[in-house]
Protein backbone atom coordinates (compact mmCIF):
# COMPACT_ATOMS: atom_id res chain seq x y z
CA MET A 1 92.25 -242.07 -72.43
CA TYR A 2 89.28 -242.63 -74.75
CA LEU A 3 86.81 -242.19 -71.87
CA GLN A 4 88.44 -238.97 -70.82
CA ASN A 5 88.26 -237.55 -74.36
CA THR A 6 84.56 -238.40 -74.70
CA ILE A 7 83.68 -236.78 -71.39
CA ASN A 8 85.49 -233.53 -72.18
CA ALA A 9 84.35 -233.43 -75.83
CA ASP A 10 81.67 -231.08 -77.07
CA PRO A 11 78.30 -232.91 -77.17
CA LEU A 12 77.29 -231.38 -80.49
CA LYS A 13 80.58 -232.41 -82.05
CA SER A 14 80.15 -236.00 -80.88
CA ILE A 15 76.59 -236.10 -82.26
CA GLN A 16 77.79 -234.78 -85.61
CA ASP A 17 80.57 -237.36 -85.73
CA SER A 18 78.19 -240.20 -84.95
CA LEU A 19 75.74 -239.01 -87.64
CA LYS A 20 78.57 -238.86 -90.19
CA ALA A 21 79.64 -242.37 -89.23
CA VAL A 22 76.11 -243.70 -89.69
CA SER A 23 75.66 -241.97 -93.03
CA ASN A 24 79.02 -243.29 -94.30
CA SER A 25 78.38 -246.87 -93.18
CA ASP A 26 76.46 -249.44 -95.19
CA ILE A 27 73.91 -249.97 -92.41
CA GLY A 28 71.31 -247.24 -92.66
CA VAL A 29 67.68 -246.76 -91.87
CA ASN A 30 66.63 -247.66 -95.41
CA SER A 31 68.46 -250.98 -95.38
CA LEU A 32 66.31 -252.70 -92.76
CA SER A 33 65.40 -256.23 -93.72
CA PHE A 34 64.06 -259.36 -92.08
CA ASN A 35 66.40 -262.31 -92.17
CA LEU A 36 65.41 -265.67 -90.66
CA ASN A 37 69.05 -266.58 -90.17
CA ASN A 38 69.37 -263.85 -87.50
CA LEU A 39 66.78 -265.51 -85.25
CA THR A 40 68.15 -267.42 -82.31
CA SER A 41 66.56 -270.39 -80.60
CA ASP A 42 65.74 -268.25 -77.53
CA GLU A 43 63.67 -265.85 -79.62
CA ILE A 44 61.78 -268.70 -81.25
CA ILE A 45 61.07 -270.31 -77.86
CA VAL A 46 59.76 -267.04 -76.41
CA THR A 47 57.51 -266.51 -79.44
CA VAL A 48 56.08 -270.03 -79.35
CA LEU A 49 55.52 -269.86 -75.58
CA GLY A 50 53.82 -266.46 -75.89
CA TYR A 51 51.40 -267.64 -78.56
CA GLY A 52 50.81 -270.88 -76.68
CA ILE A 53 49.93 -269.10 -73.44
CA VAL A 54 47.50 -266.80 -75.24
CA PHE A 55 45.72 -269.66 -77.03
CA ILE A 56 45.51 -271.76 -73.85
CA ALA A 57 44.06 -268.79 -71.96
CA LEU A 58 41.47 -268.25 -74.71
CA LEU A 59 40.57 -271.94 -74.67
CA LEU A 60 40.13 -271.92 -70.88
CA LEU A 61 37.94 -268.81 -71.07
CA PHE A 62 35.80 -270.44 -73.76
CA LEU A 63 35.36 -273.58 -71.68
CA PHE A 64 34.52 -271.56 -68.56
CA PHE A 65 31.88 -269.42 -70.26
CA SER A 66 30.34 -272.32 -72.17
CA ASN A 67 29.92 -274.37 -68.96
CA PHE A 68 28.91 -271.48 -66.72
CA SER A 69 25.17 -272.01 -67.34
CA LYS A 70 25.49 -275.70 -66.40
CA LEU A 71 27.16 -274.68 -63.17
CA LEU A 72 24.34 -272.27 -62.37
CA ARG A 73 21.70 -274.91 -63.12
CA SER A 74 23.38 -277.42 -60.83
CA ASN A 75 23.49 -274.79 -58.09
CA ILE A 76 19.75 -274.14 -58.51
CA ARG A 77 19.04 -277.90 -58.36
CA LYS A 78 20.98 -278.18 -55.10
CA LYS A 79 18.96 -275.33 -53.62
CA LEU A 80 15.71 -277.00 -54.73
CA ARG A 81 16.75 -280.28 -53.12
CA THR A 82 17.53 -278.59 -49.83
CA ALA A 83 14.17 -276.77 -50.00
CA GLY A 84 12.35 -280.08 -50.19
CA LYS A 85 11.61 -280.31 -53.88
CA GLU A 86 13.41 -283.33 -55.29
CA LYS A 87 12.37 -282.78 -58.88
CA GLY A 88 11.68 -279.31 -60.14
CA ASN A 89 8.54 -278.70 -62.15
CA LYS A 90 8.68 -277.28 -65.65
CA ASP A 91 7.10 -274.15 -64.17
CA ASP A 92 10.15 -273.62 -61.94
CA ILE A 93 12.54 -273.23 -64.86
CA ILE A 94 12.16 -270.02 -66.88
CA SER A 95 12.91 -270.38 -70.59
CA GLY A 96 15.00 -267.97 -72.61
CA GLU A 97 11.98 -266.55 -74.42
CA VAL A 98 10.24 -265.70 -71.17
CA SER A 99 13.42 -264.06 -69.81
CA ALA A 100 13.72 -261.98 -72.99
CA ALA A 101 10.08 -260.88 -72.77
CA ILE A 102 10.45 -259.88 -69.11
CA SER A 103 13.63 -257.92 -69.78
CA LEU A 104 12.02 -256.15 -72.77
CA ALA A 105 8.98 -255.21 -70.69
CA LEU A 106 11.17 -253.84 -67.90
CA SER A 107 13.29 -251.89 -70.37
CA LEU A 108 10.24 -250.31 -72.00
CA HIS A 109 8.73 -249.51 -68.61
CA PHE A 110 11.82 -247.70 -67.35
CA ARG A 111 12.34 -245.91 -70.68
CA GLU A 112 8.81 -244.45 -70.49
CA ALA A 113 9.60 -242.79 -67.17
CA HIS A 114 12.04 -240.45 -68.90
CA ASP A 115 9.85 -239.56 -71.88
CA ILE A 116 7.39 -237.33 -70.02
CA GLU A 117 9.16 -234.07 -69.27
CA ASN A 118 8.07 -230.62 -68.25
CA THR A 119 8.19 -228.36 -71.34
CA ILE A 120 8.21 -225.07 -69.41
CA ILE A 121 11.59 -223.44 -69.67
CA THR A 122 12.46 -220.92 -67.01
CA ILE A 123 15.59 -218.87 -66.68
CA LYS A 124 16.32 -217.65 -63.22
CA LYS A 125 18.91 -214.99 -62.59
CA VAL A 126 21.21 -216.12 -59.85
CA GLN A 127 22.27 -213.39 -57.50
CA SER A 128 25.76 -214.08 -56.28
CA THR A 129 27.96 -211.92 -54.16
CA TYR A 130 30.86 -210.17 -55.85
CA SER A 131 34.15 -212.01 -55.63
CA PRO A 132 37.46 -210.71 -56.96
CA TRP A 133 38.56 -214.29 -57.62
CA ASN A 134 36.53 -214.48 -60.83
CA SER A 135 37.14 -210.90 -61.96
CA LYS A 136 39.28 -210.63 -65.07
CA LEU A 137 39.92 -206.91 -64.43
CA TYR A 138 42.44 -207.59 -61.70
CA GLY A 139 44.29 -210.09 -63.87
CA LEU A 140 45.47 -207.38 -66.30
CA ARG A 141 48.74 -205.72 -65.38
CA GLN A 142 48.68 -203.11 -68.13
CA TYR A 143 45.78 -201.82 -70.14
CA PRO A 144 45.98 -202.86 -73.80
CA LYS A 145 46.80 -200.11 -76.30
CA HIS A 146 44.53 -199.67 -79.29
């Protein structure tokens, strides 16, 4: 009986009734508060697991990126051993300062290529064939009155 009355009822009337019920009740929008007693153990477990997963992922990423250079060095040493050089010379390993100087020189070199530009400005009139697709005249249905 209740279901039948709600289906046949006017939607605006039901919305008005629900708004009146909310305004008359003690629970309103302005009475929102945080109460620790309302938390269940499931919510606490989900929160702790979520934070734990995030911190473990961050820790693993830190360990990966901090040991990545050691992994690359060991890979280079293996390649040197297979090439016949048991111990690499100090000349084979490039220091950080040398890498920074090379990258700065390359950056300045490629930046200079874009500095020299032709300063002659020319405007060429493009001759295109007439097309009614871009004509605004045919888009008007009535002429505007002044």
